């Protein structure tokens, strides 16, 4: 069986660096213009979505087709698309059902990310850790929830905890430490959990100091890490297909 050659991390960094410039520029623009507070304007919406749109371009620049080896990239791209939809809805989250629609969009995004990360190896112990975190968080928040959120919150929490579990479970430290892209996906998934946790506490429980800055910083870090994980994904998918055969 032929072995798939991986590029050295430094070589990969040099090749992907220029493709990430739009992301860093748009993040900087967002924090310069809207780093202090949220707005409900079209301009704010555009500025908020541009970093994730630039990550969509980054994923596309690494290739995209219907071939099996691009399955991971397709799912990450789909997750980014629904993340942008969620961002748009949450800009006007106090309008009719927009918060629920935003939550639904991000739920689909979490599902696509979890599907991209896959179910092997299973690592149930890691799943138990994230299950415990989810139960503890929901136990704290449930006293503040009402209406549809009583049902939507645990459902979404299950999805994001599952997504984070699968991101962590796919990392084999000794094999993946020097390729680092799976680690980026792992860190990104954890940042996503932190961002959503701050949103939930700030919106339903108690005001969180610097909530806007924490939420957006961890959110962009999350999408950045998850998007960066596509760099080696074609090789990983090819190895998986070869092993299945």
C-alpha atoms as a PDB file:
ATOM      1  CA  UNK A   1       0.000   0.000   0.000  1.00  0.00           C
ATOM      2  CA  UNK A   2       1.423   3.345  -1.024  1.00  0.00           C
ATOM      3  CA  UNK A   3       1.934   5.873   1.735  1.00  0.00           C
ATOM      4  CA  UNK A   4       0.625   9.389   1.330  1.00  0.00           C
ATOM      5  CA  UNK A   5       3.363  11.957   1.804  1.00  0.00           C
ATOM      6  CA  UNK A   6       2.685  14.862   4.148  1.00  0.00           C
ATOM      7  CA  UNK A   7       4.279  18.265   3.838  1.00  0.00           C
ATOM      8  CA  UNK A   8       6.359  19.580   6.702  1.00  0.00           C
ATOM      9  CA  UNK A   9       4.544  22.065   8.962  1.00  0.00           C
ATOM     10  CA  UNK A  10       6.811  24.978   8.026  1.00  0.00           C
ATOM     11  CA  UNK A  11       6.228  24.334   4.336  1.00  0.00           C
ATOM     12  CA  UNK A  12       2.470  24.183   4.914  1.00  0.00           C
ATOM     13  CA  UNK A  13       2.508  27.428   6.896  1.00  0.00           C
ATOM     14  CA  UNK A  14       4.354  29.221   4.122  1.00  0.00           C
ATOM     15  CA  UNK A  15       1.881  27.974   1.531  1.00  0.00           C
ATOM     16  CA  UNK A  16      -1.308  28.801   3.457  1.00  0.00           C
ATOM     17  CA  UNK A  17      -0.148  32.090   4.977  1.00  0.00           C
ATOM     18  CA  UNK A  18      -0.985  34.371   2.020  1.00  0.00           C
ATOM     19  CA  UNK A  19      -4.448  32.783   1.701  1.00  0.00           C
ATOM     20  CA  UNK A  20      -5.227  33.776   5.285  1.00  0.00           C
ATOM     21  CA  UNK A  21      -4.391  37.469   4.871  1.00  0.00           C
ATOM     22  CA  UNK A  22      -8.021  38.437   4.002  1.00  0.00           C
ATOM     23  CA  UNK A  23      -9.245  36.733   7.171  1.00  0.00           C
ATOM     24  CA  UNK A  24      -6.836  38.583   9.460  1.00  0.00           C
ATOM     25  CA  UNK A  25      -7.534  41.886   7.712  1.00  0.00           C
ATOM     26  CA  UNK A  26     -11.311  41.539   7.987  1.00  0.00           C
ATOM     27  CA  UNK A  27     -11.069  40.501  11.652  1.00  0.00           C
ATOM     28  CA  UNK A  28      -8.928  43.565  12.347  1.00  0.00           C
ATOM     29  CA  UNK A  29     -11.418  45.813  10.537  1.00  0.00           C
ATOM     30  CA  UNK A  30     -14.312  44.346  12.519  1.00  0.00           C
ATOM     31  CA  UNK A  31     -12.667  44.947  15.890  1.00  0.00           C
ATOM     32  CA  UNK A  32     -11.545  48.448  14.935  1.00  0.00           C
ATOM     33  CA  UNK A  33     -15.058  49.427  13.849  1.00  0.00           C
ATOM     34  CA  UNK A  34     -17.207  47.362  16.203  1.00  0.00           C
ATOM     35  CA  UNK A  35     -14.903  46.135  18.940  1.00  0.00           C
ATOM     36  CA  UNK A  36     -16.873  47.814  21.714  1.00  0.00           C
ATOM     37  CA  UNK A  37     -20.459  46.776  21.069  1.00  0.00           C
ATOM     38  CA  UNK A  38     -22.905  45.038  18.788  1.00  0.00           C
ATOM     39  CA  UNK A  39     -25.012  46.965  16.290  1.00  0.00           C
ATOM     40  CA  UNK A  40     -28.169  46.198  14.347  1.00  0.00           C
ATOM     41  CA  UNK A  41     -27.214  47.576  10.962  1.00  0.00           C
ATOM     42  CA  UNK A  42     -26.438  46.197   7.534  1.00  0.00           C
ATOM     43  CA  UNK A  43     -22.884  47.566   7.736  1.00  0.00           C
ATOM     44  CA  UNK A  44     -22.281  45.749  11.030  1.00  0.00           C
ATOM     45  CA  UNK A  45     -23.722  42.565   9.519  1.00  0.00           C
ATOM     46  CA  UNK A  46     -21.361  42.757   6.523  1.00  0.00           C
ATOM     47  CA  UNK A  47     -18.337  43.456   8.719  1.00  0.00           C
ATOM     48  CA  UNK A  48     -19.269  40.568  11.012  1.00  0.00           C
ATOM     49  CA  UNK A  49     -19.679  38.084   8.160  1.00  0.00           C
ATOM     50  CA  UNK A  50     -16.597  39.025   6.126  1.00  0.00           C
ATOM     51  CA  UNK A  51     -14.068  37.011   8.202  1.00  0.00           C
ATOM     52  CA  UNK A  52     -16.089  33.814   7.827  1.00  0.00           C
ATOM     53  CA  UNK A  53     -16.657  34.539   4.128  1.00  0.00           C
ATOM     54  CA  UNK A  54     -12.886  34.865   3.733  1.00  0.00           C
ATOM     55  CA  UNK A  55     -12.478  31.471   5.430  1.00  0.00           C
ATOM     56  CA  UNK A  56     -14.933  30.018   2.928  1.00  0.00           C
ATOM     57  CA  UNK A  57     -12.667  31.331   0.172  1.00  0.00           C
ATOM     58  CA  UNK A  58      -9.671  29.807   1.995  1.00  0.00           C
ATOM     59  CA  UNK A  59     -11.345  26.385   2.029  1.00  0.00           C
ATOM     60  CA  UNK A  60     -12.265  26.686  -1.662  1.00  0.00           C
ATOM     61  CA  UNK A  61      -8.696  27.658  -2.566  1.00  0.00           C
ATOM     62  CA  UNK A  62      -7.526  24.328  -1.178  1.00  0.00           C
ATOM     63  CA  UNK A  63      -9.626  22.575  -3.780  1.00  0.00           C
ATOM     64  CA  UNK A  64     -13.205  21.421  -3.960  1.00  0.00           C
ATOM     65  CA  UNK A  65     -14.879  18.651  -5.921  1.00  0.00           C
ATOM     66  CA  UNK A  66     -17.286  15.751  -5.489  1.00  0.00           C
ATOM     67  CA  UNK A  67     -14.399  13.300  -5.104  1.00  0.00           C
ATOM     68  CA  UNK A  68     -14.233  11.273  -1.902  1.00  0.00           C
ATOM     69  CA  UNK A  69     -10.976  12.918  -0.829  1.00  0.00           C
ATOM     70  CA  UNK A  70     -12.759  16.298  -0.628  1.00  0.00           C
ATOM     71  CA  UNK A  71     -15.566  15.035   1.601  1.00  0.00           C
ATOM     72  CA  UNK A  72     -14.053  16.667   4.691  1.00  0.00           C
ATOM     73  CA  UNK A  73     -13.607  20.023   2.931  1.00  0.00           C
ATOM     74  CA  UNK A  74     -17.191  19.964   1.609  1.00  0.00           C
ATOM     75  CA  UNK A  75     -18.605  19.452   5.077  1.00  0.00           C
ATOM     76  CA  UNK A  76     -16.457  22.178   6.612  1.00  0.00           C
ATOM     77  CA  UNK A  77     -17.498  24.545   3.813  1.00  0.00           C
ATOM     78  CA  UNK A  78     -21.170  23.724   4.406  1.00  0.00           C
ATOM     79  CA  UNK A  79     -20.683  24.441   8.103  1.00  0.00           C
ATOM     80  CA  UNK A  80     -19.181  27.825   7.269  1.00  0.00           C
ATOM     81  CA  UNK A  81     -22.098  28.654   4.962  1.00  0.00           C
ATOM     82  CA  UNK A  82     -24.639  27.979   7.709  1.00  0.00           C
ATOM     83  CA  UNK A  83     -22.469  29.885  10.188  1.00  0.00           C
ATOM     84  CA  UNK A  84     -22.759  32.965   7.986  1.00  0.00           C
ATOM     85  CA  UNK A  85     -26.538  32.513   7.874  1.00  0.00           C
ATOM     86  CA  UNK A  86     -26.542  32.231  11.654  1.00  0.00           C
ATOM     87  CA  UNK A  87     -24.471  35.401  11.941  1.00  0.00           C
ATOM     88  CA  UNK A  88     -26.965  37.293   9.803  1.00  0.00           C
ATOM     89  CA  UNK A  89     -29.960  36.159  11.870  1.00  0.00           C
ATOM     90  CA  UNK A  90     -28.239  36.948  15.168  1.00  0.00           C
ATOM     91  CA  UNK A  91     -27.465  40.530  14.150  1.00  0.00           C
ATOM     92  CA  UNK A  92     -31.217  41.117  14.459  1.00  0.00           C
ATOM     93  CA  UNK A  93     -31.763  38.433  17.120  1.00  0.00           C
ATOM     94  CA  UNK A  94     -34.468  40.431  18.896  1.00  0.00           C
ATOM     95  CA  UNK A  95     -36.665  40.445  15.803  1.00  0.00           C
ATOM     96  CA  UNK A  96     -39.354  37.807  15.265  1.00  0.00           C
ATOM     97  CA  UNK A  97     -37.867  34.283  15.566  1.00  0.00           C
ATOM     98  CA  UNK A  98     -34.464  35.448  14.346  1.00  0.00           C
ATOM     99  CA  UNK A  99     -32.678  34.067  17.396  1.00  0.00           C
ATOM    100  CA  UNK A 100     -34.278  30.647  16.882  1.00  0.00           C
ATOM    101  CA  UNK A 101     -33.378  30.740  13.164  1.00  0.00           C
ATOM    102  CA  UNK A 102     -29.810  31.694  14.031  1.00  0.00           C
ATOM    103  CA  UNK A 103     -29.649  28.838  16.517  1.00  0.00           C
ATOM    104  CA  UNK A 104     -30.979  26.439  13.885  1.00  0.00           C
ATOM    105  CA  UNK A 105     -28.366  27.629  11.382  1.00  0.00           C
ATOM    106  CA  UNK A 106     -25.546  27.095  13.854  1.00  0.00           C
ATOM    107  CA  UNK A 107     -27.020  23.715  14.827  1.00  0.00           C
ATOM    108  CA  UNK A 108     -26.684  22.635  11.193  1.00  0.00           C
ATOM    109  CA  UNK A 109     -23.135  24.023  11.159  1.00  0.00           C
ATOM    110  CA  UNK A 110     -22.232  22.004  14.270  1.00  0.00           C
ATOM    111  CA  UNK A 111     -23.725  18.892  12.682  1.00  0.00           C
ATOM    112  CA  UNK A 112     -21.651  19.347   9.536  1.00  0.00           C
ATOM    113  CA  UNK A 113     -18.474  19.914  11.534  1.00  0.00           C
ATOM    114  CA  UNK A 114     -19.131  16.795  13.614  1.00  0.00           C
ATOM    115  CA  UNK A 115     -19.734  14.771  10.440  1.00  0.00           C
ATOM    116  CA  UNK A 116     -16.497  16.097   8.993  1.00  0.00           C
ATOM    117  CA  UNK A 117     -14.538  15.092  12.098  1.00  0.00           C
ATOM    118  CA  UNK A 118     -15.976  11.588  11.879  1.00  0.00           C
ATOM    119  CA  UNK A 119     -16.638   8.814  14.380  1.00  0.00           C
ATOM    120  CA  UNK A 120     -13.341   6.965  14.420  1.00  0.00           C
ATOM    121  CA  UNK A 121     -11.666   6.559  16.799  1.00  0.00           C
ATOM    122  CA  UNK A 122     -14.683   6.727  19.107  1.00  0.00           C
ATOM    123  CA  UNK A 123     -12.902   7.585  22.404  1.00  0.00           C
ATOM    124  CA  UNK A 124     -15.950   7.366  24.711  1.00  0.00           C
ATOM    125  CA  UNK A 125     -14.003   8.813  27.648  1.00  0.00           C
ATOM    126  CA  UNK A 126     -13.640  12.101  25.805  1.00  0.00           C
ATOM    127  CA  UNK A 127     -17.350  11.971  25.045  1.00  0.00           C
ATOM    128  CA  UNK A 128     -18.093  11.475  28.722  1.00  0.00           C
ATOM    129  CA  UNK A 129     -16.071  14.599  29.587  1.00  0.00           C
ATOM    130  CA  UNK A 130     -18.043  16.739  27.148  1.00  0.00           C
ATOM    131  CA  UNK A 131     -21.326  15.154  28.256  1.00  0.00           C
ATOM    132  CA  UNK A 132     -20.506  16.154  31.824  1.00  0.00           C
ATOM    133  CA  UNK A 133     -19.706  19.714  30.734  1.00  0.00           C
ATOM    134  CA  UNK A 134     -22.979  19.944  28.812  1.00  0.00           C
ATOM    135  CA  UNK A 135     -25.050  18.636  31.728  1.00  0.00           C
ATOM    136  CA  UNK A 136     -23.410  21.037  34.185  1.00  0.00           C
ATOM    137  CA  UNK A 137     -23.931  24.034  31.906  1.00  0.00           C
ATOM    138  CA  UNK A 138     -27.566  23.152  31.230  1.00  0.00           C
ATOM    139  CA  UNK A 139     -28.194  22.556  34.940  1.00  0.00           C
ATOM    140  CA  UNK A 140     -27.047  26.108  35.566  1.00  0.00           C
ATOM    141  CA  UNK A 141     -28.940  27.697  32.658  1.00  0.00           C
ATOM    142  CA  UNK A 142     -32.274  25.887  32.850  1.00  0.00           C
ATOM    143  CA  UNK A 143     -33.581  28.123  35.645  1.00  0.00           C
ATOM    144  CA  UNK A 144     -33.290  31.114  33.290  1.00  0.00           C
ATOM    145  CA  UNK A 145     -34.856  29.493  30.208  1.00  0.00           C
ATOM    146  CA  UNK A 146     -38.453  29.728  29.068  1.00  0.00           C
ATOM    147  CA  UNK A 147     -40.594  29.032  26.019  1.00  0.00           C
ATOM    148  CA  UNK A 148     -38.958  27.255  23.085  1.00  0.00           C
ATOM    149  CA  UNK A 149     -35.497  27.697  24.604  1.00  0.00           C
ATOM    150  CA  UNK A 150     -36.334  25.044  27.208  1.00  0.00           C
ATOM    151  CA  UNK A 151     -36.200  22.526  24.335  1.00  0.00           C
ATOM    152  CA  UNK A 152     -33.810  24.222  21.907  1.00  0.00           C
ATOM    153  CA  UNK A 153     -31.028  24.900  24.415  1.00  0.00           C
ATOM    154  CA  UNK A 154     -30.359  21.256  25.411  1.00  0.00           C
ATOM    155  CA  UNK A 155     -30.610  20.173  21.769  1.00  0.00           C
ATOM    156  CA  UNK A 156     -28.046  22.742  20.648  1.00  0.00           C
ATOM    157  CA  UNK A 157     -25.839  21.997  23.650  1.00  0.00           C
ATOM    158  CA  UNK A 158     -25.855  18.319  22.703  1.00  0.00           C
ATOM    159  CA  UNK A 159     -24.787  19.162  19.156  1.00  0.00           C
ATOM    160  CA  UNK A 160     -21.922  21.473  20.078  1.00  0.00           C
ATOM    161  CA  UNK A 161     -20.644  19.103  22.778  1.00  0.00           C
ATOM    162  CA  UNK A 162     -20.751  16.267  20.234  1.00  0.00           C
ATOM    163  CA  UNK A 163     -18.890  18.398  17.704  1.00  0.00           C
ATOM    164  CA  UNK A 164     -16.181  19.245  20.248  1.00  0.00           C
ATOM    165  CA  UNK A 165     -15.938  15.597  21.316  1.00  0.00           C
ATOM    166  CA  UNK A 166     -15.375  14.455  17.740  1.00  0.00           C
ATOM    167  CA  UNK A 167     -12.783  17.174  17.129  1.00  0.00           C
ATOM    168  CA  UNK A 168     -10.831  16.108  20.218  1.00  0.00           C
ATOM    169  CA  UNK A 169     -11.277  12.376  19.569  1.00  0.00           C
ATOM    170  CA  UNK A 170      -9.724  12.492  16.091  1.00  0.00           C
ATOM    171  CA  UNK A 171      -6.412  13.846  17.419  1.00  0.00           C
ATOM    172  CA  UNK A 172      -3.733  11.230  17.949  1.00  0.00           C
ATOM    173  CA  UNK A 173      -1.084  13.219  19.833  1.00  0.00           C
ATOM    174  CA  UNK A 174       1.972  11.231  18.766  1.00  0.00           C
ATOM    175  CA  UNK A 175       0.919  11.016  15.119  1.00  0.00           C
ATOM    176  CA  UNK A 176      -0.685  14.437  14.698  1.00  0.00           C
ATOM    177  CA  UNK A 177       1.497  16.698  16.863  1.00  0.00           C
ATOM    178  CA  UNK A 178       3.754  17.695  14.014  1.00  0.00           C
ATOM    179  CA  UNK A 179       1.071  17.982  11.353  1.00  0.00           C
ATOM    180  CA  UNK A 180      -0.886  20.315  13.672  1.00  0.00           C
ATOM    181  CA  UNK A 181      -3.958  20.771  11.483  1.00  0.00           C
ATOM    182  CA  UNK A 182      -6.083  18.341  13.511  1.00  0.00           C
ATOM    183  CA  UNK A 183      -4.946  20.184  16.624  1.00  0.00           C
ATOM    184  CA  UNK A 184      -6.199  23.417  15.030  1.00  0.00           C
ATOM    185  CA  UNK A 185      -9.607  21.834  14.516  1.00  0.00           C
ATOM    186  CA  UNK A 186      -9.576  20.635  18.131  1.00  0.00           C
ATOM    187  CA  UNK A 187      -8.714  24.093  19.501  1.00  0.00           C
ATOM    188  CA  UNK A 188     -11.294  25.659  17.190  1.00  0.00           C
ATOM    189  CA  UNK A 189     -14.036  23.362  18.471  1.00  0.00           C
ATOM    190  CA  UNK A 190     -13.228  24.198  22.102  1.00  0.00           C
ATOM    191  CA  UNK A 191     -13.234  27.927  21.271  1.00  0.00           C
ATOM    192  CA  UNK A 192     -16.681  27.476  19.700  1.00  0.00           C
ATOM    193  CA  UNK A 193     -17.956  26.003  22.954  1.00  0.00           C
ATOM    194  CA  UNK A 194     -16.512  28.922  24.932  1.00  0.00           C
ATOM    195  CA  UNK A 195     -18.068  31.470  22.579  1.00  0.00           C
ATOM    196  CA  UNK A 196     -21.520  29.881  22.767  1.00  0.00           C
ATOM    197  CA  UNK A 197     -21.270  29.450  26.536  1.00  0.00           C
ATOM    198  CA  UNK A 198     -20.576  33.165  26.988  1.00  0.00           C
ATOM    199  CA  UNK A 199     -23.502  34.001  24.674  1.00  0.00           C
ATOM    200  CA  UNK A 200     -25.857  31.804  26.701  1.00  0.00           C
ATOM    201  CA  UNK A 201     -24.767  33.117  30.100  1.00  0.00           C
ATOM    202  CA  UNK A 202     -24.782  36.747  28.955  1.00  0.00           C
ATOM    203  CA  UNK A 203     -28.159  36.496  27.215  1.00  0.00           C
ATOM    204  CA  UNK A 204     -30.112  34.331  29.664  1.00  0.00           C
ATOM    205  CA  UNK A 205     -28.386  34.465  33.053  1.00  0.00           C
ATOM    206  CA  UNK A 206     -26.096  37.321  34.101  1.00  0.00           C
ATOM    207  CA  UNK A 207     -24.170  40.025  32.198  1.00  0.00           C
ATOM    208  CA  UNK A 208     -20.634  38.926  31.344  1.00  0.00           C
ATOM    209  CA  UNK A 209     -17.950  41.670  31.397  1.00  0.00           C
ATOM    210  CA  UNK A 210     -16.536  42.295  27.915  1.00  0.00           C
ATOM    211  CA  UNK A 211     -18.991  39.731  26.545  1.00  0.00           C
ATOM    212  CA  UNK A 212     -18.965  41.102  22.982  1.00  0.00           C
ATOM    213  CA  UNK A 213     -15.175  41.014  22.747  1.00  0.00           C
ATOM    214  CA  UNK A 214     -14.915  37.515  24.252  1.00  0.00           C
ATOM    215  CA  UNK A 215     -17.692  36.109  22.083  1.00  0.00           C
ATOM    216  CA  UNK A 216     -16.353  37.445  18.796  1.00  0.00           C
ATOM    217  CA  UNK A 217     -12.691  36.709  19.535  1.00  0.00           C
ATOM    218  CA  UNK A 218     -13.367  33.076  20.450  1.00  0.00           C
ATOM    219  CA  UNK A 219     -15.856  32.738  17.575  1.00  0.00           C
ATOM    220  CA  UNK A 220     -13.384  33.886  14.939  1.00  0.00           C
ATOM    221  CA  UNK A 221     -10.651  31.756  16.545  1.00  0.00           C
ATOM    222  CA  UNK A 222     -13.027  28.787  16.369  1.00  0.00           C
ATOM    223  CA  UNK A 223     -13.866  29.214  12.699  1.00  0.00           C
ATOM    224  CA  UNK A 224     -10.211  29.876  11.918  1.00  0.00           C
ATOM    225  CA  UNK A 225      -9.021  26.689  13.622  1.00  0.00           C
ATOM    226  CA  UNK A 226     -11.735  24.530  12.073  1.00  0.00           C
ATOM    227  CA  UNK A 227     -11.088  25.987   8.607  1.00  0.00           C
ATOM    228  CA  UNK A 228      -7.344  25.477   8.949  1.00  0.00           C
ATOM    229  CA  UNK A 229      -7.951  21.778   9.529  1.00  0.00           C
ATOM    230  CA  UNK A 230      -8.793  21.323   5.817  1.00  0.00           C
ATOM    231  CA  UNK A 231      -5.137  21.801   4.847  1.00  0.00           C
ATOM    232  CA  UNK A 232      -4.233  18.116   5.312  1.00  0.00           C
ATOM    233  CA  UNK A 233      -7.742  16.785   4.901  1.00  0.00           C
ATOM    234  CA  UNK A 234      -7.306  15.400   1.370  1.00  0.00           C
ATOM    235  CA  UNK A 235      -4.366  13.268   2.503  1.00  0.00           C
ATOM    236  CA  UNK A 236      -6.283  12.109   5.577  1.00  0.00           C
ATOM    237  CA  UNK A 237      -9.315  11.134   3.496  1.00  0.00           C
ATOM    238  CA  UNK A 238      -7.110   9.271   1.010  1.00  0.00           C
ATOM    239  CA  UNK A 239      -5.453   7.355   3.875  1.00  0.00           C
ATOM    240  CA  UNK A 240      -8.899   6.535   5.294  1.00  0.00           C
ATOM    241  CA  UNK A 241     -10.131   5.206   1.945  1.00  0.00           C
ATOM    242  CA  UNK A 242      -6.965   3.112   1.529  1.00  0.00           C
ATOM    243  CA  UNK A 243      -7.385   1.659   5.015  1.00  0.00           C
ATOM    244  CA  UNK A 244     -11.044   0.820   4.325  1.00  0.00           C
ATOM    245  CA  UNK A 245      -9.964  -1.070   1.226  1.00  0.00           C
END
